Amino acid sequence: MNKAVFSISLNSQSVMQYYQGKKNRVQVQTRQGFNMSIPYDILLKFVTREGIYGTFEISYSSDGKLGELRRVS
């Protein structure tokens, strides 16, 4: 499995667009310098009243299948 690290800063208003179904993927730029499109539903467990904030590590296969997502800070 490959791994990538990225940071997210989505305030509660931005998260509401995903909750209402207006958007379903979050675009992030990894610390390795490439862009990823992350399905919003894998971020749900990290949503707070303030939104989603933090640095995350995601694992994925060579064919792009997502694995585990965890908060690193």
C-alpha atoms as a PDB file:
ATOM      1  CA  MET A   1       0.000   0.000   0.000  1.00  0.00           C
ATOM      2  CA  ASN A   2       1.101   3.525  -0.815  1.00  0.00           C
ATOM      3  CA  LYS A   3       0.600   6.352   1.682  1.00  0.00           C
ATOM      4  CA  ALA A   4      -0.007  10.069   1.350  1.00  0.00           C
ATOM      5  CA  VAL A   5      -0.199  12.860   3.933  1.00  0.00           C
ATOM      6  CA  PHE A   6      -2.412  15.928   3.533  1.00  0.00           C
ATOM      7  CA  SER A   7      -3.996  18.671   5.605  1.00  0.00           C
ATOM      8  CA  ILE A   8      -7.643  19.704   5.567  1.00  0.00           C
ATOM      9  CA  SER A   9      -9.213  22.919   6.748  1.00  0.00           C
ATOM     10  CA  LEU A  10     -12.970  22.910   6.103  1.00  0.00           C
ATOM     11  CA  ASN A  11     -15.156  25.180   8.209  1.00  0.00           C
ATOM     12  CA  SER A  12     -18.681  24.202   9.222  1.00  0.00           C
ATOM     13  CA  GLN A  13     -20.257  26.051   6.257  1.00  0.00           C
ATOM     14  CA  SER A  14     -18.090  24.123   3.804  1.00  0.00           C
ATOM     15  CA  VAL A  15     -18.918  20.830   5.514  1.00  0.00           C
ATOM     16  CA  MET A  16     -22.633  21.684   5.210  1.00  0.00           C
ATOM     17  CA  GLN A  17     -22.313  21.631   1.382  1.00  0.00           C
ATOM     18  CA  TYR A  18     -21.148  18.015   1.607  1.00  0.00           C
ATOM     19  CA  TYR A  19     -23.813  17.131   4.172  1.00  0.00           C
ATOM     20  CA  GLN A  20     -26.527  18.557   1.913  1.00  0.00           C
ATOM     21  CA  GLY A  21     -25.234  16.530  -1.030  1.00  0.00           C
ATOM     22  CA  LYS A  22     -24.072  19.512  -3.077  1.00  0.00           C
ATOM     23  CA  LYS A  23     -20.568  18.043  -3.142  1.00  0.00           C
ATOM     24  CA  ASN A  24     -19.307  14.507  -2.533  1.00  0.00           C
ATOM     25  CA  ARG A  25     -15.523  14.643  -2.988  1.00  0.00           C
ATOM     26  CA  VAL A  26     -12.845  16.737  -1.293  1.00  0.00           C
ATOM     27  CA  GLN A  27      -9.862  17.864  -3.370  1.00  0.00           C
ATOM     28  CA  VAL A  28      -6.593  17.860  -1.416  1.00  0.00           C
ATOM     29  CA  GLN A  29      -2.958  18.397  -2.255  1.00  0.00           C
ATOM     30  CA  THR A  30      -0.642  15.948  -0.555  1.00  0.00           C
ATOM     31  CA  ARG A  31       2.653  16.850   1.056  1.00  0.00           C
ATOM     32  CA  GLN A  32       4.215  14.725  -1.678  1.00  0.00           C
ATOM     33  CA  GLY A  33       2.937  17.314  -4.183  1.00  0.00           C
ATOM     34  CA  PHE A  34       0.112  15.558  -5.994  1.00  0.00           C
ATOM     35  CA  ASN A  35      -3.647  16.111  -5.951  1.00  0.00           C
ATOM     36  CA  MET A  36      -6.144  13.586  -4.648  1.00  0.00           C
ATOM     37  CA  SER A  37      -9.926  13.458  -4.750  1.00  0.00           C
ATOM     38  CA  ILE A  38     -11.132  12.001  -1.453  1.00  0.00           C
ATOM     39  CA  PRO A  39     -14.723  10.786  -1.003  1.00  0.00           C
ATOM     40  CA  TYR A  40     -16.347  12.904   1.698  1.00  0.00           C
ATOM     41  CA  ASP A  41     -17.922   9.923   3.440  1.00  0.00           C
ATOM     42  CA  ILE A  42     -14.544   8.579   4.630  1.00  0.00           C
ATOM     43  CA  LEU A  43     -14.016  11.899   6.453  1.00  0.00           C
ATOM     44  CA  LEU A  44     -17.314  11.760   8.378  1.00  0.00           C
ATOM     45  CA  LYS A  45     -15.806  10.384  11.572  1.00  0.00           C
ATOM     46  CA  PHE A  46     -13.583  13.487  11.786  1.00  0.00           C
ATOM     47  CA  VAL A  47     -16.380  16.092  11.505  1.00  0.00           C
ATOM     48  CA  THR A  48     -16.857  18.379  14.514  1.00  0.00           C
ATOM     49  CA  ARG A  49     -19.110  21.389  15.074  1.00  0.00           C
ATOM     50  CA  GLU A  50     -16.289  23.551  13.750  1.00  0.00           C
ATOM     51  CA  GLY A  51     -15.769  21.485  10.583  1.00  0.00           C
ATOM     52  CA  ILE A  52     -12.880  19.223   9.609  1.00  0.00           C
ATOM     53  CA  TYR A  53      -9.359  20.306  10.497  1.00  0.00           C
ATOM     54  CA  GLY A  54      -6.114  18.402  10.750  1.00  0.00           C
ATOM     55  CA  THR A  55      -3.395  16.457   9.039  1.00  0.00           C
ATOM     56  CA  PHE A  56      -4.262  12.996   7.781  1.00  0.00           C
ATOM     57  CA  GLU A  57      -2.518   9.978   6.330  1.00  0.00           C
ATOM     58  CA  ILE A  58      -4.306   7.818   3.790  1.00  0.00           C
ATOM     59  CA  SER A  59      -3.237   4.494   2.354  1.00  0.00           C
ATOM     60  CA  TYR A  60      -4.158   3.442  -1.166  1.00  0.00           C
ATOM     61  CA  SER A  61      -3.332   0.670  -3.611  1.00  0.00           C
ATOM     62  CA  SER A  62      -1.433   1.078  -6.879  1.00  0.00           C
ATOM     63  CA  ASP A  63      -4.771   0.996  -8.727  1.00  0.00           C
ATOM     64  CA  GLY A  64      -6.145   3.863  -6.605  1.00  0.00           C
ATOM     65  CA  LYS A  65      -8.332   1.900  -4.196  1.00  0.00           C
ATOM     66  CA  LEU A  66      -8.471   3.706  -0.852  1.00  0.00           C
ATOM     67  CA  GLY A  67      -7.440   1.985   2.341  1.00  0.00           C
ATOM     68  CA  GLU A  68      -7.211   3.372   5.865  1.00  0.00           C
ATOM     69  CA  LEU A  69      -7.501   7.053   6.765  1.00  0.00           C
ATOM     70  CA  ARG A  70      -6.114   8.265  10.070  1.00  0.00           C
ATOM     71  CA  ARG A  71      -5.514  11.649  11.678  1.00  0.00           C
ATOM     72  CA  VAL A  72      -1.860  12.301  12.420  1.00  0.00           C
ATOM     73  CA  SER A  73      -2.344  15.740  14.012  1.00  0.00           C
END
